[in-house]
Protein backbone atom coordinates (compact mmCIF):
# COMPACT_ATOMS: atom_id res chain seq x y z
CA MET A 1 6.91 72.64 -113.42
CA ILE A 2 3.69 74.37 -114.48
CA LYS A 3 3.83 72.62 -117.87
CA LYS A 4 4.13 69.27 -116.12
CA ASN A 5 1.08 69.96 -113.93
CA ILE A 6 -0.98 71.10 -116.92
CA ILE A 7 -0.10 67.92 -118.83
CA ILE A 8 -1.02 65.71 -115.86
CA ILE A 9 -4.33 67.50 -115.26
CA SER A 10 -5.25 67.37 -118.95
CA LEU A 11 -4.45 63.62 -119.07
CA ILE A 12 -6.68 63.03 -116.06
CA PHE A 13 -9.58 64.85 -117.71
CA LEU A 14 -9.09 63.07 -121.04
CA LEU A 15 -8.80 59.58 -119.55
CA SER A 16 -11.62 59.95 -117.05
CA SER A 17 -14.16 60.73 -119.77
CA CYS A 18 -13.08 58.18 -122.34
CA GLY A 19 -16.21 56.02 -121.87
CA PHE A 20 -14.48 52.96 -120.41
CA THR A 21 -16.81 50.48 -118.72
CA PRO A 22 -15.74 47.07 -117.41
CA ILE A 23 -17.11 44.11 -119.37
CA TYR A 24 -18.27 42.10 -116.37
CA LEU A 25 -19.36 44.98 -114.14
CA LYS A 26 -23.03 44.12 -114.07
CA ASN A 27 -24.92 42.27 -116.73
CA THR A 28 -28.24 44.10 -116.66
CA ASN A 29 -29.43 42.55 -119.92
CA VAL A 30 -29.58 39.02 -118.54
CA ASN A 31 -32.20 37.09 -120.46
CA PHE A 32 -32.08 33.86 -118.45
CA SER A 33 -32.76 32.57 -114.99
CA ILE A 34 -30.81 29.71 -113.47
CA GLU A 35 -33.36 27.50 -111.75
CA GLN A 36 -31.11 24.71 -110.54
CA ILE A 37 -27.42 23.86 -110.64
CA SER A 38 -26.03 20.46 -109.74
CA TYR A 39 -22.32 20.16 -109.06
CA ALA A 40 -19.86 17.28 -109.27
CA GLY A 41 -16.10 17.28 -108.79
CA ASP A 42 -13.85 19.54 -106.70
CA ARG A 43 -15.78 20.80 -103.68
CA ASP A 44 -13.92 24.09 -103.14
CA LEU A 45 -14.11 25.13 -106.78
CA ASN A 46 -17.82 24.21 -106.88
CA ASN A 47 -18.54 26.26 -103.76
CA PHE A 48 -16.88 29.32 -105.33
CA LEU A 49 -18.82 28.74 -108.55
CA LYS A 50 -22.07 28.45 -106.57
CA THR A 51 -21.36 31.78 -104.86
CA ASN A 52 -20.71 33.50 -108.19
CA LEU A 53 -23.71 32.02 -110.02
CA ASN A 54 -26.30 32.58 -107.27
CA GLN A 55 -26.88 36.15 -108.50
CA TYR A 56 -28.51 34.73 -111.65
CA LYS A 57 -31.08 32.66 -109.78
CA ASN A 58 -34.76 33.59 -109.80
CA ASN A 59 -34.54 36.40 -112.36
CA LYS A 60 -37.85 37.58 -113.79
CA THR A 61 -37.61 35.97 -117.22
CA ASN A 62 -39.23 33.16 -119.15
CA ASN A 63 -35.91 31.61 -120.22
CA LYS A 64 -35.32 29.19 -117.33
CA ILE A 65 -32.27 26.96 -117.51
CA PHE A 66 -30.96 24.02 -115.52
CA ILE A 67 -27.21 23.45 -115.31
CA GLU A 68 -25.09 20.42 -114.50
CA ALA A 69 -21.50 21.38 -113.66
CA SER A 70 -18.66 18.88 -113.55
CA SER A 71 -15.32 20.26 -112.34
CA ILE A 72 -11.85 18.79 -112.47
CA TYR A 73 -9.00 20.37 -110.51
CA LYS A 74 -5.38 19.32 -111.04
CA LYS A 75 -2.13 20.38 -109.38
CA ILE A 76 0.67 19.09 -111.60
CA ILE A 77 4.35 19.16 -110.61
CA LEU A 78 6.33 20.98 -113.30
CA SER A 79 9.84 21.10 -111.85
CA LYS A 80 11.91 20.12 -108.85
CA ASN A 81 15.14 21.54 -107.47
CA LYS A 82 18.37 19.58 -106.88
CA ALA A 83 17.20 18.47 -103.44
CA GLY A 84 14.09 16.90 -104.96
CA GLU A 85 11.69 19.49 -103.59
CA VAL A 86 8.95 20.81 -105.84
CA SER A 87 9.63 24.32 -107.13
CA ASP A 88 6.83 24.88 -109.68
CA TYR A 89 3.27 23.63 -110.07
CA GLN A 90 0.77 23.99 -112.87
CA ILE A 91 -2.73 24.57 -111.55
CA GLU A 92 -5.56 23.54 -113.90
CA ALA A 93 -9.29 23.86 -113.45
CA GLU A 94 -11.68 22.51 -116.03
CA VAL A 95 -15.44 22.83 -115.75
CA ILE A 96 -17.92 21.28 -118.15
CA PHE A 97 -21.38 22.80 -118.03
CA LEU A 98 -24.39 21.00 -119.48
CA ILE A 99 -27.21 23.45 -120.15
CA LYS A 100 -30.41 21.41 -119.89
CA PRO A 101 -33.13 22.85 -122.14
CA THR A 102 -30.78 22.96 -125.14
CA ASN A 103 -28.42 20.12 -124.09
CA LYS A 104 -25.49 22.38 -124.96
CA LYS A 105 -22.08 21.60 -123.46
CA ILE A 106 -19.72 24.41 -122.51
CA LYS A 107 -16.16 23.50 -121.52
CA ILE A 108 -14.09 26.18 -119.78
CA THR A 109 -10.47 25.64 -118.75
CA GLU A 110 -8.19 27.87 -116.68
CA THR A 111 -4.47 27.31 -116.03
CA LYS A 112 -1.80 29.04 -113.96
CA ILE A 113 1.79 28.30 -113.02
CA MET A 114 2.45 28.59 -109.29
CA LYS A 115 5.79 28.74 -107.51
CA SER A 116 6.17 26.57 -104.44
CA LYS A 117 6.52 28.40 -101.14
CA ASP A 118 8.49 27.44 -98.05
CA ASP A 119 5.51 28.07 -95.80
CA LYS A 120 2.96 25.40 -96.74
CA PHE A 121 0.14 27.27 -95.00
CA GLU A 122 0.77 30.33 -97.18
CA GLU A 123 0.97 28.07 -100.24
CA ALA A 124 -2.43 26.54 -99.40
CA ARG A 125 -3.96 30.03 -98.92
CA TYR A 126 -2.51 31.16 -102.25
CA GLU A 127 -3.84 28.03 -103.97
CA ARG A 128 -7.28 28.71 -102.49
CA SER A 129 -7.22 32.27 -103.83
CA ILE A 130 -6.27 30.91 -107.26
CA LYS A 131 -9.31 28.59 -107.10
CA GLN A 132 -11.49 31.55 -106.19
CA ASN A 133 -10.13 33.56 -109.14
CA PHE A 134 -10.66 30.60 -111.46
CA ALA A 135 -14.28 30.28 -110.32
CA SER A 136 -14.90 33.97 -110.88
CA SER A 137 -13.39 33.85 -114.36
CA ILE A 138 -15.25 30.66 -115.28
CA SER A 139 -18.61 32.00 -114.10
CA ASN A 140 -18.05 35.25 -116.03
CA LYS A 141 -17.24 33.29 -119.19
CA LEU A 142 -20.31 31.09 -118.71
CA THR A 143 -22.68 34.02 -118.23
CA SER A 144 -21.18 35.83 -121.21
CA ASP A 145 -21.74 32.75 -123.34
CA LEU A 146 -25.31 32.36 -122.08
CA ILE A 147 -26.09 36.02 -122.78
CA ALA A 148 -24.55 35.85 -126.27
CA ASN A 149 -26.44 32.67 -127.21
CA LYS A 150 -30.00 33.71 -126.54
């Protein structure tokens, strides 16, 4: 019993000081400022993207960029059961960003397979949370690409 406790305590000390830091925690070395973003496409996905990208507006830097975002959201039926009811969906979100000063295009795609639920309200809430997760992932990938390509 004492050996087990010593092993657990030593693992906690070793793992807590390993130097792990999340990649997307806070990008303090941001060398750009988003001046304006124009959106086209899926309204919900664009609203989530706008929320995530607003933190990069009006930064104190000389590298000012303008972005045009075009989003496409698809909910594709993958399979149906014997009664003809949908059992699986494939959720796809594709966003094409056009960075204005350099005219660079960045295309980011996210996909997920979703099981159909009996309660359609719960299914709609789950689909909305998937859109929110997609927007967070897409905005993180965009900012990482913008930081890497000074």
